[in-house]
N, C-alpha and C. Protein backbone atom coordinates (compact mmCIF):
# COMPACT_ATOMS: atom_id res chain seq x y z
N MET A 1 -80.39 50.87 204.31
CA MET A 1 -79.71 50.08 203.29
C MET A 1 -78.23 50.46 203.21
N ARG A 2 -77.94 51.75 203.31
CA ARG A 2 -76.55 52.21 203.24
C ARG A 2 -75.72 51.62 204.38
N ARG A 3 -76.33 51.53 205.56
CA ARG A 3 -75.63 50.99 206.72
C ARG A 3 -75.26 49.52 206.48
N VAL A 4 -76.15 48.76 205.88
CA VAL A 4 -75.88 47.36 205.57
C VAL A 4 -74.70 47.26 204.61
N SER A 5 -74.68 48.10 203.59
CA SER A 5 -73.60 48.07 202.61
C SER A 5 -72.27 48.44 203.25
N GLN A 6 -72.30 49.38 204.19
CA GLN A 6 -71.07 49.73 204.90
C GLN A 6 -70.59 48.55 205.74
N SER A 7 -71.53 47.80 206.29
CA SER A 7 -71.17 46.60 207.04
C SER A 7 -70.49 45.58 206.14
N HIS A 8 -71.00 45.45 204.93
CA HIS A 8 -70.38 44.51 204.00
C HIS A 8 -68.97 44.96 203.64
N ALA A 9 -68.77 46.23 203.42
CA ALA A 9 -67.43 46.73 203.11
C ALA A 9 -66.48 46.47 204.27
N ALA A 10 -66.96 46.67 205.49
CA ALA A 10 -66.14 46.39 206.67
C ALA A 10 -65.81 44.90 206.75
N LEU A 11 -66.76 44.04 206.42
CA LEU A 11 -66.51 42.60 206.47
C LEU A 11 -65.49 42.16 205.42
N VAL A 12 -65.47 42.80 204.27
CA VAL A 12 -64.45 42.49 203.27
C VAL A 12 -63.08 42.80 203.85
N GLY A 13 -62.95 43.94 204.51
CA GLY A 13 -61.69 44.30 205.15
C GLY A 13 -61.30 43.33 206.24
N ILE A 14 -62.26 42.93 207.05
CA ILE A 14 -62.00 41.97 208.12
C ILE A 14 -61.59 40.63 207.53
N ALA A 15 -62.26 40.20 206.46
CA ALA A 15 -61.89 38.93 205.81
C ALA A 15 -60.47 39.00 205.29
N ASN A 16 -60.08 40.14 204.76
CA ASN A 16 -58.70 40.30 204.28
C ASN A 16 -57.71 40.16 205.43
N LEU A 17 -58.02 40.76 206.56
CA LEU A 17 -57.16 40.62 207.74
C LEU A 17 -57.08 39.17 208.20
N LEU A 18 -58.21 38.49 208.20
CA LEU A 18 -58.23 37.07 208.59
C LEU A 18 -57.36 36.24 207.65
N MET A 19 -57.41 36.54 206.37
CA MET A 19 -56.57 35.82 205.41
C MET A 19 -55.10 36.01 205.75
N MET A 20 -54.72 37.23 206.07
CA MET A 20 -53.32 37.52 206.42
C MET A 20 -52.90 36.79 207.68
N LYS A 21 -53.85 36.56 208.59
CA LYS A 21 -53.57 35.84 209.83
C LYS A 21 -53.62 34.33 209.64
N GLY A 22 -53.99 33.88 208.44
CA GLY A 22 -54.06 32.44 208.17
C GLY A 22 -55.40 31.82 208.51
N GLU A 23 -56.39 32.62 208.85
CA GLU A 23 -57.72 32.11 209.20
C GLU A 23 -58.58 32.08 207.94
N LYS A 24 -58.18 31.23 207.02
CA LYS A 24 -58.79 31.20 205.69
C LYS A 24 -60.24 30.74 205.70
N GLU A 25 -60.55 29.76 206.50
CA GLU A 25 -61.92 29.23 206.52
C GLU A 25 -62.90 30.31 207.00
N LEU A 26 -62.53 31.02 208.04
CA LEU A 26 -63.39 32.08 208.55
C LEU A 26 -63.50 33.23 207.55
N ALA A 27 -62.40 33.55 206.89
CA ALA A 27 -62.43 34.59 205.85
C ALA A 27 -63.39 34.20 204.73
N LEU A 28 -63.31 32.95 204.30
CA LEU A 28 -64.19 32.48 203.23
C LEU A 28 -65.65 32.51 203.66
N GLU A 29 -65.91 32.20 204.91
CA GLU A 29 -67.28 32.25 205.44
C GLU A 29 -67.83 33.68 205.35
N LEU A 30 -67.04 34.65 205.78
CA LEU A 30 -67.49 36.04 205.71
C LEU A 30 -67.70 36.51 204.28
N LEU A 31 -66.78 36.14 203.41
CA LEU A 31 -66.90 36.55 202.01
C LEU A 31 -68.11 35.91 201.35
N SER A 32 -68.43 34.69 201.73
CA SER A 32 -69.64 34.04 201.20
C SER A 32 -70.90 34.75 201.67
N LEU A 33 -70.89 35.19 202.93
CA LEU A 33 -72.01 35.97 203.43
C LEU A 33 -72.20 37.22 202.57
N ILE A 34 -71.15 37.91 202.29
CA ILE A 34 -71.21 39.14 201.49
C ILE A 34 -71.71 38.85 200.08
N ARG A 35 -71.19 37.82 199.47
CA ARG A 35 -71.54 37.53 198.08
C ARG A 35 -72.98 37.07 197.92
N HIS A 36 -73.59 36.54 198.98
CA HIS A 36 -74.93 35.97 198.86
C HIS A 36 -76.00 36.73 199.64
N HIS A 37 -75.63 37.75 200.35
CA HIS A 37 -76.61 38.51 201.11
C HIS A 37 -77.43 39.37 200.14
N PRO A 38 -78.74 39.37 200.27
CA PRO A 38 -79.58 40.10 199.31
C PRO A 38 -79.35 41.62 199.30
N ALA A 39 -78.84 42.17 200.38
CA ALA A 39 -78.63 43.62 200.43
C ALA A 39 -77.22 44.04 200.04
N SER A 40 -76.38 43.09 199.68
CA SER A 40 -75.00 43.43 199.29
C SER A 40 -74.98 44.26 198.03
N TRP A 41 -74.22 45.31 198.08
CA TRP A 41 -74.01 46.11 196.88
C TRP A 41 -73.03 45.38 195.98
N GLN A 42 -73.12 45.64 194.70
CA GLN A 42 -72.25 44.99 193.74
C GLN A 42 -70.78 45.27 194.03
N LEU A 43 -70.46 46.47 194.50
CA LEU A 43 -69.08 46.82 194.81
C LEU A 43 -68.49 45.85 195.85
N ALA A 44 -69.25 45.57 196.91
CA ALA A 44 -68.77 44.64 197.94
C ALA A 44 -68.59 43.24 197.36
N LYS A 45 -69.53 42.81 196.51
CA LYS A 45 -69.41 41.50 195.87
C LYS A 45 -68.17 41.46 194.98
N ASP A 46 -67.94 42.55 194.24
CA ASP A 46 -66.77 42.61 193.36
C ASP A 46 -65.47 42.57 194.15
N GLN A 47 -65.45 43.20 195.33
CA GLN A 47 -64.26 43.16 196.17
C GLN A 47 -64.04 41.78 196.77
N ALA A 48 -65.12 41.09 197.06
CA ALA A 48 -65.02 39.77 197.68
C ALA A 48 -64.61 38.68 196.68
N THR A 49 -65.01 38.82 195.42
CA THR A 49 -64.82 37.75 194.44
C THR A 49 -63.37 37.31 194.25
N PRO A 50 -62.39 38.21 194.06
CA PRO A 50 -61.02 37.72 193.88
C PRO A 50 -60.45 37.08 195.15
N LEU A 51 -60.90 37.55 196.30
CA LEU A 51 -60.45 36.94 197.55
C LEU A 51 -61.00 35.53 197.68
N VAL A 52 -62.25 35.35 197.31
CA VAL A 52 -62.86 34.01 197.33
C VAL A 52 -62.12 33.08 196.38
N ALA A 53 -61.83 33.57 195.19
CA ALA A 53 -61.12 32.74 194.20
C ALA A 53 -59.76 32.30 194.75
N ARG A 54 -59.07 33.21 195.41
CA ARG A 54 -57.77 32.86 195.99
C ARG A 54 -57.91 31.81 197.09
N LEU A 55 -58.90 31.99 197.95
CA LEU A 55 -59.12 31.04 199.04
C LEU A 55 -59.53 29.67 198.51
N ILE A 56 -60.35 29.65 197.48
CA ILE A 56 -60.75 28.37 196.87
C ILE A 56 -59.53 27.64 196.32
N ALA A 57 -58.64 28.39 195.69
CA ALA A 57 -57.43 27.78 195.12
C ALA A 57 -56.49 27.24 196.19
N GLU A 58 -56.53 27.83 197.37
CA GLU A 58 -55.59 27.47 198.44
C GLU A 58 -56.15 26.48 199.46
N SER A 59 -57.43 26.13 199.34
CA SER A 59 -58.08 25.34 200.39
C SER A 59 -58.65 24.05 199.84
N PRO A 60 -58.72 23.01 200.69
CA PRO A 60 -59.37 21.76 200.28
C PRO A 60 -60.84 21.99 199.96
N SER A 61 -61.36 21.24 199.02
CA SER A 61 -62.74 21.45 198.56
C SER A 61 -63.78 21.26 199.66
N ASP A 62 -63.54 20.33 200.59
CA ASP A 62 -64.52 20.14 201.67
C ASP A 62 -64.54 21.33 202.62
N VAL A 63 -63.39 21.93 202.86
CA VAL A 63 -63.32 23.12 203.70
C VAL A 63 -64.04 24.29 203.02
N VAL A 64 -63.82 24.42 201.72
CA VAL A 64 -64.48 25.48 200.94
C VAL A 64 -66.00 25.32 201.00
N ALA A 65 -66.48 24.12 200.75
CA ALA A 65 -67.92 23.88 200.74
C ALA A 65 -68.54 24.20 202.10
N GLU A 66 -67.90 23.77 203.17
CA GLU A 66 -68.44 24.00 204.51
C GLU A 66 -68.44 25.49 204.85
N ALA A 67 -67.35 26.18 204.55
CA ALA A 67 -67.26 27.61 204.85
C ALA A 67 -68.29 28.40 204.06
N GLN A 68 -68.46 28.05 202.79
CA GLN A 68 -69.44 28.76 201.97
C GLN A 68 -70.86 28.52 202.48
N GLU A 69 -71.15 27.30 202.88
CA GLU A 69 -72.47 26.98 203.42
C GLU A 69 -72.74 27.76 204.70
N HIS A 70 -71.76 27.80 205.59
CA HIS A 70 -71.91 28.56 206.83
C HIS A 70 -72.10 30.04 206.55
N GLY A 71 -71.33 30.56 205.61
CA GLY A 71 -71.43 31.98 205.27
C GLY A 71 -72.80 32.36 204.74
N ARG A 72 -73.35 31.53 203.89
CA ARG A 72 -74.68 31.81 203.32
C ARG A 72 -75.76 31.80 204.40
N ALA A 73 -75.55 31.03 205.45
CA ALA A 73 -76.56 30.89 206.50
C ALA A 73 -76.39 31.92 207.63
N ARG A 74 -75.30 32.67 207.64
CA ARG A 74 -75.04 33.60 208.73
C ARG A 74 -75.96 34.80 208.73
N ASP A 75 -76.17 35.34 209.90
CA ASP A 75 -76.90 36.58 210.07
C ASP A 75 -75.89 37.72 209.99
N LEU A 76 -76.20 38.72 209.18
CA LEU A 76 -75.27 39.83 208.98
C LEU A 76 -74.93 40.54 210.28
N ASN A 77 -75.93 40.90 211.05
CA ASN A 77 -75.68 41.64 212.30
C ASN A 77 -74.83 40.83 213.27
N ALA A 78 -75.09 39.55 213.37
CA ALA A 78 -74.30 38.70 214.26
C ALA A 78 -72.85 38.62 213.78
N ALA A 79 -72.65 38.51 212.48
CA ALA A 79 -71.29 38.43 211.94
C ALA A 79 -70.52 39.71 212.20
N VAL A 80 -71.17 40.85 211.98
CA VAL A 80 -70.51 42.14 212.23
C VAL A 80 -70.15 42.26 213.71
N ALA A 81 -71.09 41.99 214.59
CA ALA A 81 -70.84 42.10 216.02
C ALA A 81 -69.71 41.17 216.47
N GLU A 82 -69.74 39.95 215.98
CA GLU A 82 -68.71 38.97 216.36
C GLU A 82 -67.33 39.44 215.96
N HIS A 83 -67.20 39.91 214.74
CA HIS A 83 -65.87 40.23 214.24
C HIS A 83 -65.37 41.59 214.70
N LEU A 84 -66.27 42.50 214.96
CA LEU A 84 -65.83 43.76 215.58
C LEU A 84 -65.34 43.49 216.99
N GLY A 85 -66.04 42.59 217.68
CA GLY A 85 -65.61 42.20 219.02
C GLY A 85 -64.23 41.54 219.02
N ARG A 86 -63.97 40.74 218.00
CA ARG A 86 -62.66 40.07 217.89
C ARG A 86 -61.56 41.10 217.66
N LEU A 87 -61.86 42.14 216.89
CA LEU A 87 -60.86 43.17 216.61
C LEU A 87 -60.52 43.98 217.85
N GLU A 88 -61.49 44.11 218.75
CA GLU A 88 -61.26 44.87 219.97
C GLU A 88 -60.43 44.11 221.00
N GLU A 89 -60.33 42.81 220.84
CA GLU A 89 -59.58 42.00 221.83
C GLU A 89 -58.10 42.24 221.73
């Protein structure tokens, strides 16, 4: 369980980096995964919430809805592997 929570903390950091790079939709997808994953610790959800609010305010509603839907449906392990791989590039 601790390992999963550490993954969520890492994804919050990755989402923050994506936001800085302008990849808002992907950031929102990751943050939605964190906020809705059953193993997420409250701390990770609390860290994700203000970022989600900012992205919602800055993005069209259809983009928000699609990103949130994709995030809720994502597999945690696949998301971590994908984004760690992107950081290594």
